[in-house]
Amino acid sequence: MPLSYFLNFMINTLLEQNQKAKKINFSNHFFKNKVFLPHSKFLEWDLWTHSLF
């Protein structure tokens, strides 16, 4: 298996997991707090993951 293929596979897998996790985290956070806080931990994490990918 070529290395580039392997890296592509790993990145795609991580991105898919990241998208699923973000949806779950967002809905949990939103419904628990009712009010969306702009400086929440979720938003910090979201910005951090976006800077990575």
PDB file of N, CA and C in Angstrom:
ATOM      1  N   MET A   1       0.847  -1.199   0.000  1.00  0.00           N
ATOM      2  CA  MET A   1       0.000   0.000   0.000  1.00  0.00           C
ATOM      3  C   MET A   1       0.884   1.251   0.000  1.00  0.00           C
ATOM      4  N   PRO A   2       0.707   2.132  -0.956  1.00  0.00           N
ATOM      5  CA  PRO A   2       1.535   3.353  -0.985  1.00  0.00           C
ATOM      6  C   PRO A   2       1.258   4.238   0.228  1.00  0.00           C
ATOM      7  N   LEU A   3       2.262   4.934   0.660  1.00  0.00           N
ATOM      8  CA  LEU A   3       2.141   5.776   1.854  1.00  0.00           C
ATOM      9  C   LEU A   3       1.109   6.880   1.667  1.00  0.00           C
ATOM     10  N   SER A   4       1.087   7.490   0.490  1.00  0.00           N
ATOM     11  CA  SER A   4       0.135   8.585   0.239  1.00  0.00           C
ATOM     12  C   SER A   4      -1.311   8.092   0.356  1.00  0.00           C
ATOM     13  N   TYR A   5      -1.558   6.871  -0.109  1.00  0.00           N
ATOM     14  CA  TYR A   5      -2.899   6.288   0.002  1.00  0.00           C
ATOM     15  C   TYR A   5      -3.270   6.101   1.472  1.00  0.00           C
ATOM     16  N   PHE A   6      -2.317   5.585   2.226  1.00  0.00           N
ATOM     17  CA  PHE A   6      -2.539   5.345   3.654  1.00  0.00           C
ATOM     18  C   PHE A   6      -2.833   6.653   4.388  1.00  0.00           C
ATOM     19  N   LEU A   7      -2.050   7.691   4.099  1.00  0.00           N
ATOM     20  CA  LEU A   7      -2.252   8.992   4.743  1.00  0.00           C
ATOM     21  C   LEU A   7      -3.608   9.585   4.376  1.00  0.00           C
ATOM     22  N   ASN A   8      -3.978   9.467   3.116  1.00  0.00           N
ATOM     23  CA  ASN A   8      -5.296   9.936   2.672  1.00  0.00           C
ATOM     24  C   ASN A   8      -6.415   9.237   3.425  1.00  0.00           C
ATOM     25  N   PHE A   9      -6.278   7.926   3.553  1.00  0.00           N
ATOM     26  CA  PHE A   9      -7.272   7.130   4.265  1.00  0.00           C
ATOM     27  C   PHE A   9      -7.394   7.580   5.720  1.00  0.00           C
ATOM     28  N   MET A  10      -6.240   7.772   6.372  1.00  0.00           N
ATOM     29  CA  MET A  10      -6.227   8.200   7.770  1.00  0.00           C
ATOM     30  C   MET A  10      -6.891   9.565   7.935  1.00  0.00           C
ATOM     31  N   ILE A  11      -6.563  10.502   7.060  1.00  0.00           N
ATOM     32  CA  ILE A  11      -7.117  11.856   7.143  1.00  0.00           C
ATOM     33  C   ILE A  11      -8.629  11.830   6.922  1.00  0.00           C
ATOM     34  N   ASN A  12      -9.073  11.075   5.930  1.00  0.00           N
ATOM     35  CA  ASN A  12     -10.515  10.972   5.668  1.00  0.00           C
ATOM     36  C   ASN A  12     -11.260  10.376   6.850  1.00  0.00           C
ATOM     37  N   THR A  13     -10.679   9.339   7.453  1.00  0.00           N
ATOM     38  CA  THR A  13     -11.298   8.701   8.613  1.00  0.00           C
ATOM     39  C   THR A  13     -11.406   9.685   9.771  1.00  0.00           C
ATOM     40  N   LEU A  14     -10.323  10.418  10.022  1.00  0.00           N
ATOM     41  CA  LEU A  14     -10.327  11.406  11.101  1.00  0.00           C
ATOM     42  C   LEU A  14     -11.343  12.507  10.843  1.00  0.00           C
ATOM     43  N   LEU A  15     -11.433  12.957   9.614  1.00  0.00           N
ATOM     44  CA  LEU A  15     -12.393  14.011   9.268  1.00  0.00           C
ATOM     45  C   LEU A  15     -13.828  13.541   9.476  1.00  0.00           C
ATOM     46  N   GLU A  16     -14.117  12.310   9.080  1.00  0.00           N
ATOM     47  CA  GLU A  16     -15.469  11.769   9.268  1.00  0.00           C
ATOM     48  C   GLU A  16     -15.810  11.688  10.747  1.00  0.00           C
ATOM     49  N   GLN A  17     -14.886  11.175  11.544  1.00  0.00           N
ATOM     50  CA  GLN A  17     -15.114  11.072  12.985  1.00  0.00           C
ATOM     51  C   GLN A  17     -15.284  12.457  13.587  1.00  0.00           C
ATOM     52  N   ASN A  18     -14.489  13.407  13.114  1.00  0.00           N
ATOM     53  CA  ASN A  18     -14.561  14.777  13.600  1.00  0.00           C
ATOM     54  C   ASN A  18     -15.934  15.383  13.311  1.00  0.00           C
ATOM     55  N   GLN A  19     -16.451  15.164  12.111  1.00  0.00           N
ATOM     56  CA  GLN A  19     -17.770  15.693  11.744  1.00  0.00           C
ATOM     57  C   GLN A  19     -18.867  15.097  12.626  1.00  0.00           C
ATOM     58  N   LYS A  20     -18.811  13.786  12.846  1.00  0.00           N
ATOM     59  CA  LYS A  20     -19.808  13.125  13.698  1.00  0.00           C
ATOM     60  C   LYS A  20     -19.725  13.659  15.121  1.00  0.00           C
ATOM     61  N   ALA A  21     -18.512  13.772  15.636  1.00  0.00           N
ATOM     62  CA  ALA A  21     -18.318  14.254  17.003  1.00  0.00           C
ATOM     63  C   ALA A  21     -18.823  15.680  17.153  1.00  0.00           C
ATOM     64  N   LYS A  22     -18.576  16.506  16.142  1.00  0.00           N
ATOM     65  CA  LYS A  22     -19.018  17.899  16.210  1.00  0.00           C
ATOM     66  C   LYS A  22     -20.541  17.988  16.259  1.00  0.00           C
ATOM     67  N   LYS A  23     -21.223  17.168  15.466  1.00  0.00           N
ATOM     68  CA  LYS A  23     -22.690  17.182  15.473  1.00  0.00           C
ATOM     69  C   LYS A  23     -23.214  16.780  16.845  1.00  0.00           C
ATOM     70  N   ILE A  24     -22.643  15.730  17.424  1.00  0.00           N
ATOM     71  CA  ILE A  24     -23.071  15.248  18.740  1.00  0.00           C
ATOM     72  C   ILE A  24     -22.777  16.302  19.806  1.00  0.00           C
ATOM     73  N   ASN A  25     -21.558  16.821  19.807  1.00  0.00           N
ATOM     74  CA  ASN A  25     -21.167  17.827  20.795  1.00  0.00           C
ATOM     75  C   ASN A  25     -22.026  19.072  20.694  1.00  0.00           C
ATOM     76  N   PHE A  26     -22.299  19.493  19.479  1.00  0.00           N
ATOM     77  CA  PHE A  26     -23.073  20.713  19.276  1.00  0.00           C
ATOM     78  C   PHE A  26     -24.484  20.554  19.835  1.00  0.00           C
ATOM     79  N   SER A  27     -25.160  19.451  19.500  1.00  0.00           N
ATOM     80  CA  SER A  27     -26.540  19.270  19.963  1.00  0.00           C
ATOM     81  C   SER A  27     -26.581  19.098  21.479  1.00  0.00           C
ATOM     82  N   ASN A  28     -25.656  18.331  22.048  1.00  0.00           N
ATOM     83  CA  ASN A  28     -25.609  18.157  23.501  1.00  0.00           C
ATOM     84  C   ASN A  28     -25.403  19.487  24.195  1.00  0.00           C
ATOM     85  N   HIS A  29     -24.436  20.228  23.725  1.00  0.00           N
ATOM     86  CA  HIS A  29     -24.100  21.515  24.323  1.00  0.00           C
ATOM     87  C   HIS A  29     -25.289  22.463  24.225  1.00  0.00           C
ATOM     88  N   PHE A  30     -25.897  22.509  23.067  1.00  0.00           N
ATOM     89  CA  PHE A  30     -26.990  23.451  22.817  1.00  0.00           C
ATOM     90  C   PHE A  30     -28.196  23.141  23.704  1.00  0.00           C
ATOM     91  N   PHE A  31     -28.572  21.871  23.779  1.00  0.00           N
ATOM     92  CA  PHE A  31     -29.778  21.521  24.531  1.00  0.00           C
ATOM     93  C   PHE A  31     -29.549  21.571  26.036  1.00  0.00           C
ATOM     94  N   LYS A  32     -28.353  21.285  26.482  1.00  0.00           N
ATOM     95  CA  LYS A  32     -28.077  21.354  27.921  1.00  0.00           C
ATOM     96  C   LYS A  32     -28.099  22.795  28.414  1.00  0.00           C
ATOM     97  N   ASN A  33     -27.538  23.697  27.635  1.00  0.00           N
ATOM     98  CA  ASN A  33     -27.379  25.075  28.095  1.00  0.00           C
ATOM     99  C   ASN A  33     -28.488  26.019  27.647  1.00  0.00           C
ATOM    100  N   LYS A  34     -29.243  25.596  26.638  1.00  0.00           N
ATOM    101  CA  LYS A  34     -30.336  26.400  26.081  1.00  0.00           C
ATOM    102  C   LYS A  34     -29.848  27.694  25.423  1.00  0.00           C
ATOM    103  N   VAL A  35     -28.839  28.306  25.989  1.00  0.00           N
ATOM    104  CA  VAL A  35     -28.269  29.529  25.418  1.00  0.00           C
ATOM    105  C   VAL A  35     -26.877  29.197  24.911  1.00  0.00           C
ATOM    106  N   PHE A  36     -26.594  29.566  23.685  1.00  0.00           N
ATOM    107  CA  PHE A  36     -25.272  29.286  23.136  1.00  0.00           C
ATOM    108  C   PHE A  36     -24.275  30.345  23.586  1.00  0.00           C
ATOM    109  N   LEU A  37     -23.272  29.915  24.330  1.00  0.00           N
ATOM    110  CA  LEU A  37     -22.251  30.841  24.818  1.00  0.00           C
ATOM    111  C   LEU A  37     -21.130  30.947  23.793  1.00  0.00           C
ATOM    112  N   PRO A  38     -20.817  32.166  23.328  1.00  0.00           N
ATOM    113  CA  PRO A  38     -19.817  32.327  22.264  1.00  0.00           C
ATOM    114  C   PRO A  38     -18.425  31.826  22.656  1.00  0.00           C
ATOM    115  N   HIS A  39     -18.084  31.899  23.947  1.00  0.00           N
ATOM    116  CA  HIS A  39     -16.731  31.507  24.358  1.00  0.00           C
ATOM    117  C   HIS A  39     -16.737  30.174  25.092  1.00  0.00           C
ATOM    118  N   SER A  40     -17.590  29.267  24.625  1.00  0.00           N
ATOM    119  CA  SER A  40     -17.663  27.955  25.257  1.00  0.00           C
ATOM    120  C   SER A  40     -16.479  27.086  24.845  1.00  0.00           C
ATOM    121  N   LYS A  41     -16.270  26.029  25.588  1.00  0.00           N
ATOM    122  CA  LYS A  41     -15.205  25.067  25.275  1.00  0.00           C
ATOM    123  C   LYS A  41     -15.446  24.444  23.907  1.00  0.00           C
ATOM    124  N   PHE A  42     -16.710  24.215  23.578  1.00  0.00           N
ATOM    125  CA  PHE A  42     -17.022  23.606  22.285  1.00  0.00           C
ATOM    126  C   PHE A  42     -16.508  24.469  21.142  1.00  0.00           C
ATOM    127  N   LEU A  43     -16.726  25.768  21.235  1.00  0.00           N
ATOM    128  CA  LEU A  43     -16.323  26.657  20.156  1.00  0.00           C
ATOM    129  C   LEU A  43     -14.798  26.701  20.044  1.00  0.00           C
ATOM    130  N   GLU A  44     -14.125  26.709  21.191  1.00  0.00           N
ATOM    131  CA  GLU A  44     -12.654  26.672  21.180  1.00  0.00           C
ATOM    132  C   GLU A  44     -12.171  25.404  20.475  1.00  0.00           C
ATOM    133  N   TRP A  45     -12.774  24.283  20.807  1.00  0.00           N
ATOM    134  CA  TRP A  45     -12.412  23.004  20.192  1.00  0.00           C
ATOM    135  C   TRP A  45     -12.694  23.036  18.692  1.00  0.00           C
ATOM    136  N   ASP A  46     -13.843  23.596  18.320  1.00  0.00           N
ATOM    137  CA  ASP A  46     -14.239  23.698  16.917  1.00  0.00           C
ATOM    138  C   ASP A  46     -13.226  24.534  16.132  1.00  0.00           C
ATOM    139  N   LEU A  47     -12.839  25.668  16.681  1.00  0.00           N
ATOM    140  CA  LEU A  47     -11.861  26.531  16.014  1.00  0.00           C
ATOM    141  C   LEU A  47     -10.513  25.831  15.895  1.00  0.00           C
ATOM    142  N   TRP A  48     -10.144  25.094  16.944  1.00  0.00           N
ATOM    143  CA  TRP A  48      -8.868  24.384  16.951  1.00  0.00           C
ATOM    144  C   TRP A  48      -8.855  23.287  15.891  1.00  0.00           C
ATOM    145  N   THR A  49      -9.938  22.535  15.783  1.00  0.00           N
ATOM    146  CA  THR A  49      -9.992  21.462  14.782  1.00  0.00           C
ATOM    147  C   THR A  49     -10.026  22.045  13.372  1.00  0.00           C
ATOM    148  N   HIS A  50     -10.691  23.177  13.200  1.00  0.00           N
ATOM    149  CA  HIS A  50     -10.719  23.812  11.874  1.00  0.00           C
ATOM    150  C   HIS A  50      -9.336  24.305  11.465  1.00  0.00           C
ATOM    151  N   SER A  51      -8.563  24.760  12.424  1.00  0.00           N
ATOM    152  CA  SER A  51      -7.207  25.213  12.097  1.00  0.00           C
ATOM    153  C   SER A  51      -6.316  24.030  11.705  1.00  0.00           C
ATOM    154  N   LEU A  52      -6.619  22.848  12.240  1.00  0.00           N
ATOM    155  CA  LEU A  52      -5.851  21.645  11.878  1.00  0.00           C
ATOM    156  C   LEU A  52      -6.174  21.192  10.466  1.00  0.00           C
ATOM    157  N   PHE A  53      -7.478  21.184  10.129  1.00  0.00           N
ATOM    158  CA  PHE A  53      -7.894  20.655   8.824  1.00  0.00           C
ATOM    159  C   PHE A  53      -8.256  21.805   7.910  1.00  0.00           C
TER     160      PHE A  53
END
